């Protein structure tokens, strides 16, 4: 899935609900980051350390910050850290699971349900490859989340934790995201990588060959597609100005435009502008449009605006035609100011 646009470029059984093991912690981290400050202290209670499976080796009576526990949860996949964060955030596992499900509903994850923050097998706890991809794309927009999951290793106290995601060390451009495994779920991997301006998220569930499969899938996607800037901040046009202190004004697109395209796809750009305009010209006001049409369809229209002010030259001599044009232009300006189009 392309991160910026959410475009799916390859899928197989993408909507089949399955166990997702510790990739659950993507949602756990996201919910914690949206409800807690990184510096908040968390006291470790005995119940937090009694969770089975992978651990960051917390001990009752210790105190960690939310940030430290997030690193322990996402790098070492600590189920103890996930439990501590959940109870700190919502007061109980059940209440935190409700926050997770509320966030899933907000993101439109229709085939996802959470029962715990760590991903140990539980009835009714499941997701799909598609939903995990959507979740990961969203989470990777969070700067703090992105920093944590892209960290290769970190030392907290006397313990050094190494990220379980081997792709960070073997795949050029890898950015995260999370591994998962239980005997019932098999191996689950959610990865994200970037080359130039293009980012992809890749998800496999119950895949014993996930490292190699992600490498091949990501290579294929980067070979076939790109997120190309077709309108940049340097894109500009010139338009004659009548009765102004300058004879030309600069016209610029209202915003930059990047499109997700198959590589080498031609893009047609059609500019719609008047032959000339009358002063005064106000920077930022709309003057025309730019229509961008890739060869495979899907046109995008961007407003064109004045790039600078051009005041009226009060001393200029006008022909009758120019006086009429100026009056008509000003009348149109005030007409649309008071009676805008529906």
Protein backbone atom coordinates (compact mmCIF):
# COMPACT_ATOMS: atom_id res chain seq x y z
CA UNK A 1 0.00 0.00 0.00
CA UNK A 2 1.29 3.45 -0.93
CA UNK A 3 1.53 5.41 2.31
CA UNK A 4 0.57 8.93 1.19
CA UNK A 5 -2.42 8.00 -0.96
CA UNK A 6 -3.50 4.66 0.52
CA UNK A 7 -3.42 3.08 -2.94
CA UNK A 8 -3.21 -0.71 -2.88
CA UNK A 9 -0.84 -2.03 -5.55
CA UNK A 10 -0.95 -5.73 -4.64
CA UNK A 11 -3.18 -7.83 -2.42
CA UNK A 12 -4.04 -11.46 -1.77
CA UNK A 13 -6.66 -12.50 0.81
CA UNK A 14 -6.32 -8.96 2.13
CA UNK A 15 -9.71 -8.91 3.88
CA UNK A 16 -9.53 -12.28 5.66
CA UNK A 17 -9.68 -11.76 9.48
CA UNK A 18 -6.75 -13.51 11.18
CA UNK A 19 -4.76 -13.49 14.41
CA UNK A 20 -2.17 -10.70 14.33
CA UNK A 21 0.00 -11.33 17.43
CA UNK A 22 2.31 -8.43 18.39
CA UNK A 23 1.50 -6.29 15.36
CA UNK A 24 -1.39 -5.36 17.68
CA UNK A 25 1.16 -3.07 19.35
CA UNK A 26 1.01 -0.67 16.39
CA UNK A 27 -2.45 0.33 17.60
CA UNK A 28 -1.33 0.21 21.24
CA UNK A 29 1.50 2.66 20.57
CA UNK A 30 -0.73 4.94 18.53
CA UNK A 31 -3.43 5.12 21.22
CA UNK A 32 -0.85 5.75 23.94
CA UNK A 33 0.80 8.53 21.92
CA UNK A 34 -2.57 10.19 21.37
CA UNK A 35 -3.50 10.07 25.08
CA UNK A 36 -0.25 10.41 27.05
CA UNK A 37 2.82 12.58 27.29
CA UNK A 38 6.16 10.92 26.64
CA UNK A 39 7.61 12.08 29.95
CA UNK A 40 4.77 10.77 32.13
CA UNK A 41 6.07 8.37 34.83
CA UNK A 42 4.61 4.86 35.05
CA UNK A 43 5.07 2.78 38.20
CA UNK A 44 5.41 -0.93 37.45
CA UNK A 45 2.91 -3.07 39.36
CA UNK A 46 3.23 -6.86 39.89
CA UNK A 47 0.34 -7.57 37.48
CA UNK A 48 2.23 -5.90 34.63
CA UNK A 49 5.17 -8.31 34.91
CA UNK A 50 3.06 -11.48 35.01
CA UNK A 51 2.17 -11.46 31.31
CA UNK A 52 3.53 -14.38 29.27
CA UNK A 53 5.56 -14.09 26.10
CA UNK A 54 8.15 -11.55 25.00
CA UNK A 55 9.25 -9.06 27.63
CA UNK A 56 11.38 -5.99 28.31
CA UNK A 57 11.96 -7.46 31.79
CA UNK A 58 10.20 -4.96 34.00
CA UNK A 59 10.24 -5.45 37.79
CA UNK A 60 7.59 -4.41 40.32
CA UNK A 61 8.34 -1.11 42.00
CA UNK A 62 10.39 0.31 39.11
CA UNK A 63 9.34 3.52 37.37
CA UNK A 64 9.69 4.16 33.66
CA UNK A 65 8.52 6.98 31.41
CA UNK A 66 5.86 6.39 28.78
CA UNK A 67 8.56 6.92 26.14
CA UNK A 68 10.84 4.25 27.61
CA UNK A 69 7.99 1.75 27.75
CA UNK A 70 7.07 2.51 24.14
CA UNK A 71 10.61 1.69 23.05
CA UNK A 72 10.57 -1.52 25.08
CA UNK A 73 7.22 -2.48 23.58
CA UNK A 74 8.02 -1.71 19.95
CA UNK A 75 11.65 -2.86 19.80
CA UNK A 76 11.70 -5.82 22.22
CA UNK A 77 7.96 -6.47 21.78
CA UNK A 78 7.52 -6.38 25.55
CA UNK A 79 4.10 -7.67 26.58
CA UNK A 80 4.85 -6.35 30.06
CA UNK A 81 5.42 -2.87 28.62
CA UNK A 82 2.18 -3.06 26.61
CA UNK A 83 0.25 -4.02 29.75
CA UNK A 84 1.82 -1.23 31.80
CA UNK A 85 1.06 1.35 29.11
CA UNK A 86 -2.52 0.18 28.70
CA UNK A 87 -3.29 0.32 32.42
CA UNK A 88 -1.55 3.68 32.79
CA UNK A 89 -3.52 5.14 29.87
CA UNK A 90 -7.01 3.77 30.57
CA UNK A 91 -6.95 2.17 34.02
CA UNK A 92 -7.49 -1.40 32.83
CA UNK A 93 -6.92 -3.75 29.90
CA UNK A 94 -10.64 -3.72 29.08
CA UNK A 95 -10.90 0.05 29.04
CA UNK A 96 -7.79 0.36 26.90
CA UNK A 97 -9.10 -2.23 24.43
CA UNK A 98 -12.18 -0.04 24.06
CA UNK A 99 -9.94 2.91 23.14
CA UNK A 100 -8.23 0.68 20.57
CA UNK A 101 -11.55 -0.35 19.06
CA UNK A 102 -12.76 3.26 19.02
CA UNK A 103 -9.65 4.23 17.06
CA UNK A 104 -10.14 1.29 14.69
CA UNK A 105 -13.68 2.48 13.99
CA UNK A 106 -12.43 6.04 13.42
CA UNK A 107 -9.95 4.73 10.83
CA UNK A 108 -12.58 2.59 9.11
CA UNK A 109 -10.97 -0.73 10.02
CA UNK A 110 -14.12 -2.77 9.51
CA UNK A 111 -12.56 -6.21 10.01
CA UNK A 112 -10.51 -5.42 13.10
CA UNK A 113 -11.27 -6.00 16.79
CA UNK A 114 -8.99 -5.81 19.82
CA UNK A 115 -9.25 -7.55 23.19
CA UNK A 116 -5.82 -6.69 24.63
CA UNK A 117 -2.84 -4.37 24.03
CA UNK A 118 -0.15 -7.01 23.40
CA UNK A 119 -1.65 -9.37 20.80
CA UNK A 120 -1.62 -12.67 22.69
CA UNK A 121 -4.25 -14.97 21.17
CA UNK A 122 -7.78 -14.18 22.36
CA UNK A 123 -11.27 -14.87 21.05
CA UNK A 124 -12.48 -11.91 19.00
CA UNK A 125 -9.00 -10.41 18.65
CA UNK A 126 -8.18 -10.17 14.95
CA UNK A 127 -7.45 -7.98 11.95
CA UNK A 128 -6.68 -8.27 8.24
CA UNK A 129 -3.72 -7.49 6.02
CA UNK A 130 -5.66 -4.57 4.53
CA UNK A 131 -6.62 -3.11 7.90
CA UNK A 132 -3.08 -3.46 9.24
CA UNK A 133 -1.78 -1.65 6.15
CA UNK A 134 -4.23 1.23 6.65
CA UNK A 135 -3.32 1.40 10.34
CA UNK A 136 0.41 1.40 9.60
CA UNK A 137 0.08 4.12 6.95
CA UNK A 138 -1.77 6.28 9.46
CA UNK A 139 0.65 5.55 12.30
CA UNK A 140 3.70 6.37 10.18
CA UNK A 141 2.41 9.93 9.83
CA UNK A 142 2.94 10.34 13.60
CA UNK A 143 6.49 11.67 14.03
CA UNK A 144 7.00 10.16 17.49
CA UNK A 145 5.73 6.75 16.37
CA UNK A 146 7.94 6.88 13.28
CA UNK A 147 11.01 7.72 15.35
CA UNK A 148 10.42 4.82 17.74
CA UNK A 149 9.79 2.10 15.16
CA UNK A 150 12.76 3.16 13.02
CA UNK A 151 15.19 2.89 15.95
CA UNK A 152 17.55 -0.06 15.60
CA UNK A 153 18.53 -0.30 19.28
CA UNK A 154 18.32 1.68 22.50
CA UNK A 155 19.68 1.42 26.03
CA UNK A 156 17.27 2.04 28.89
CA UNK A 157 18.86 1.80 32.31
CA UNK A 158 21.19 -1.17 32.13
CA UNK A 159 19.29 -2.97 29.38
CA UNK A 160 19.91 -2.63 25.65
CA UNK A 161 16.98 -3.48 23.40
CA UNK A 162 17.42 -4.37 19.73
CA UNK A 163 14.57 -3.97 17.28
CA UNK A 164 13.13 -7.36 16.24
CA UNK A 165 12.51 -5.95 12.75
CA UNK A 166 15.51 -7.33 10.85
CA UNK A 167 14.65 -5.30 7.73
CA UNK A 168 16.00 -2.20 9.48
CA UNK A 169 19.43 -3.75 9.14
CA UNK A 170 19.07 -5.55 5.80
CA UNK A 171 16.73 -3.52 3.56
CA UNK A 172 17.82 -0.11 2.20
CA UNK A 173 15.28 2.55 3.14
CA UNK A 174 13.47 0.45 5.77
CA UNK A 175 11.63 2.58 8.38
CA UNK A 176 9.89 -0.02 10.63
CA UNK A 177 7.15 -1.11 11.58
CA UNK A 178 6.47 -4.27 13.70
CA UNK A 179 6.93 -8.03 13.88
CA UNK A 180 4.62 -10.54 15.51
CA UNK A 181 4.48 -14.23 16.32
CA UNK A 182 2.45 -16.76 18.25
CA UNK A 183 2.20 -20.45 17.51
CA UNK A 184 -1.42 -20.09 16.44
CA UNK A 185 -0.95 -16.89 14.43
CA UNK A 186 2.35 -17.76 12.78
CA UNK A 187 4.77 -15.06 11.67
CA UNK A 188 3.27 -11.62 10.99
CA UNK A 189 5.25 -8.71 9.62
CA UNK A 190 4.29 -5.12 8.91
CA UNK A 191 7.09 -3.20 7.21
CA UNK A 192 7.55 0.27 5.76
CA UNK A 193 10.28 1.50 3.42
CA UNK A 194 11.05 4.63 1.44
CA UNK A 195 12.99 5.47 -1.71
CA UNK A 196 13.14 9.08 -2.87
CA UNK A 197 9.61 10.46 -2.32
CA UNK A 198 7.86 7.08 -2.41
CA UNK A 199 6.85 5.09 0.67
CA UNK A 200 5.19 1.69 0.86
CA UNK A 201 3.76 -0.37 3.70
CA UNK A 202 3.85 -4.16 3.25
CA UNK A 203 1.89 -6.68 5.37
CA UNK A 204 2.06 -10.46 5.52
CA UNK A 205 0.15 -12.68 7.95
CA UNK A 206 1.07 -16.29 8.73
CA UNK A 207 4.06 -16.18 6.39
CA UNK A 208 7.07 -18.35 7.36
CA UNK A 209 9.23 -16.62 4.72
CA UNK A 210 8.30 -13.04 5.58
CA UNK A 211 11.75 -11.40 5.42
CA UNK A 212 12.36 -12.58 1.85
CA UNK A 213 8.77 -11.97 0.78
CA UNK A 214 8.82 -8.37 2.02
CA UNK A 215 12.12 -7.77 0.29
CA UNK A 216 10.74 -9.02 -3.03
CA UNK A 217 7.39 -7.26 -2.69
CA UNK A 218 8.93 -3.92 -1.78
CA UNK A 219 11.52 -4.19 -4.56
CA UNK A 220 8.75 -4.91 -7.07
CA UNK A 221 6.64 -1.96 -5.87
CA UNK A 222 9.54 0.49 -6.04
CA UNK A 223 10.45 -0.77 -9.51
CA UNK A 224 6.90 -0.31 -10.81
CA UNK A 225 5.57 2.85 -9.10
CA UNK A 226 6.61 6.29 -7.96
CA UNK A 227 5.18 9.28 -6.12
CA UNK A 228 6.15 11.96 -8.61
CA UNK A 229 6.09 15.70 -8.10
CA UNK A 230 4.40 17.06 -11.23
CA UNK A 231 3.85 20.63 -10.01
CA UNK A 232 6.58 22.15 -7.87
CA UNK A 233 7.10 25.41 -6.01
CA UNK A 234 9.14 26.58 -9.02
CA UNK A 235 6.28 26.11 -11.50
CA UNK A 236 5.32 29.55 -12.82
CA UNK A 237 3.70 31.33 -15.75
CA UNK A 238 3.65 34.97 -16.89
CA UNK A 239 0.60 37.01 -17.80
CA UNK A 240 0.43 40.50 -19.38
CA UNK A 241 -1.04 43.23 -17.17
CA UNK A 242 -2.72 46.26 -18.70
CA UNK A 243 -2.60 49.65 -16.94
CA UNK A 244 -0.36 48.37 -14.16
CA UNK A 245 2.96 49.56 -12.82
CA UNK A 246 4.41 46.32 -14.22
CA UNK A 247 3.75 44.88 -17.65
CA UNK A 248 3.82 41.23 -16.51
CA UNK A 249 2.73 39.38 -13.41
CA UNK A 250 3.76 35.93 -12.23
CA UNK A 251 1.14 33.18 -12.04
CA UNK A 252 1.72 30.21 -9.75
CA UNK A 253 -0.20 27.06 -8.81
CA UNK A 254 -1.99 27.41 -5.48
CA UNK A 255 -0.20 24.28 -4.21
CA UNK A 256 2.41 21.74 -5.19
CA UNK A 257 1.08 18.47 -6.64
CA UNK A 258 2.49 14.95 -6.45
CA UNK A 259 0.78 11.97 -8.08
CA UNK A 260 1.16 8.26 -7.43
CA UNK A 261 1.86 6.77 -10.86
CA UNK A 262 3.27 3.79 -12.65
CA UNK A 263 6.80 4.71 -13.64
CA UNK A 264 7.27 6.51 -16.96
CA UNK A 265 3.54 7.40 -17.17
CA UNK A 266 3.24 10.58 -19.30
CA UNK A 267 1.38 13.50 -17.73
CA UNK A 268 -0.45 16.15 -19.76
CA UNK A 269 -0.86 19.66 -18.29
CA UNK A 270 -3.35 22.16 -19.67
CA UNK A 271 -3.24 25.78 -18.53
CA UNK A 272 -6.41 27.87 -18.56
CA UNK A 273 -5.66 31.61 -18.27
CA UNK A 274 -7.00 34.82 -19.81
CA UNK A 275 -4.88 36.42 -22.53
CA UNK A 276 -4.23 39.41 -20.25
CA UNK A 277 -5.57 41.03 -17.08
CA UNK A 278 -6.17 44.60 -15.91
CA UNK A 279 -4.49 46.11 -12.89
CA UNK A 280 -4.77 46.14 -9.95
CA UNK A 281 -3.63 42.55 -9.41
CA UNK A 282 -3.70 41.12 -5.87
CA UNK A 283 -1.27 38.38 -4.88
CA UNK A 284 -3.03 35.09 -4.07
CA UNK A 285 -6.23 35.88 -5.95
CA UNK A 286 -7.46 33.20 -8.35
CA UNK A 287 -6.92 33.82 -12.05
CA UNK A 288 -7.17 30.42 -13.79
CA UNK A 289 -6.54 26.72 -13.45
CA UNK A 290 -4.06 23.98 -14.28
CA UNK A 291 -5.47 20.58 -15.27
CA UNK A 292 -3.11 17.64 -14.80
CA UNK A 293 -4.06 14.42 -16.59
CA UNK A 294 -1.92 11.26 -16.41
CA UNK A 295 -2.02 9.00 -19.47
CA UNK A 296 -3.89 6.36 -17.44
CA UNK A 297 -6.64 8.83 -16.43
CA UNK A 298 -7.69 10.61 -13.26
CA UNK A 299 -7.43 14.36 -13.93
CA UNK A 300 -6.49 16.75 -11.12
CA UNK A 301 -7.27 20.48 -11.28
CA UNK A 302 -5.23 23.06 -9.37
CA UNK A 303 -6.18 26.76 -9.12
CA UNK A 304 -3.70 29.24 -10.53
CA UNK A 305 -3.19 32.43 -8.52
CA UNK A 306 -1.33 35.71 -8.88
CA UNK A 307 2.20 35.39 -7.53
CA UNK A 308 2.66 39.08 -6.79
CA UNK A 309 0.81 42.39 -6.48
CA UNK A 310 0.66 44.70 -9.47
CA UNK A 311 -0.80 48.09 -8.45
CA UNK A 312 -2.74 50.27 -10.85
CA UNK A 313 -0.65 52.88 -12.68
CA UNK A 314 -2.76 55.99 -12.05
CA UNK A 315 -0.89 58.00 -14.67
CA UNK A 316 -1.38 55.61 -17.58
CA UNK A 317 -3.38 56.78 -20.60
CA UNK A 318 -6.10 54.28 -21.59
CA UNK A 319 -7.91 53.70 -24.85
CA UNK A 320 -11.72 53.51 -24.73
CA UNK A 321 -11.47 49.73 -25.07
CA UNK A 322 -9.07 49.55 -22.13
CA UNK A 323 -11.31 51.79 -20.00
CA UNK A 324 -14.23 49.49 -20.72
CA UNK A 325 -12.12 46.40 -19.94
CA UNK A 326 -10.91 47.86 -16.67
CA UNK A 327 -14.42 48.86 -15.63
CA UNK A 328 -15.77 45.44 -16.58
CA UNK A 329 -12.99 43.68 -14.67
CA UNK A 330 -13.52 45.77 -11.55
CA UNK A 331 -17.28 45.29 -11.77
CA UNK A 332 -16.76 41.54 -11.98
CA UNK A 333 -14.41 41.64 -9.00
CA UNK A 334 -16.92 43.44 -6.80
CA UNK A 335 -19.87 41.45 -8.14
CA UNK A 336 -18.30 38.13 -7.15
CA UNK A 337 -17.10 39.58 -3.85
CA UNK A 338 -20.69 40.30 -2.82
CA UNK A 339 -22.46 37.57 -4.81
CA UNK A 340 -20.11 34.56 -4.87
CA UNK A 341 -20.87 31.53 -6.99
CA UNK A 342 -22.81 28.71 -5.29
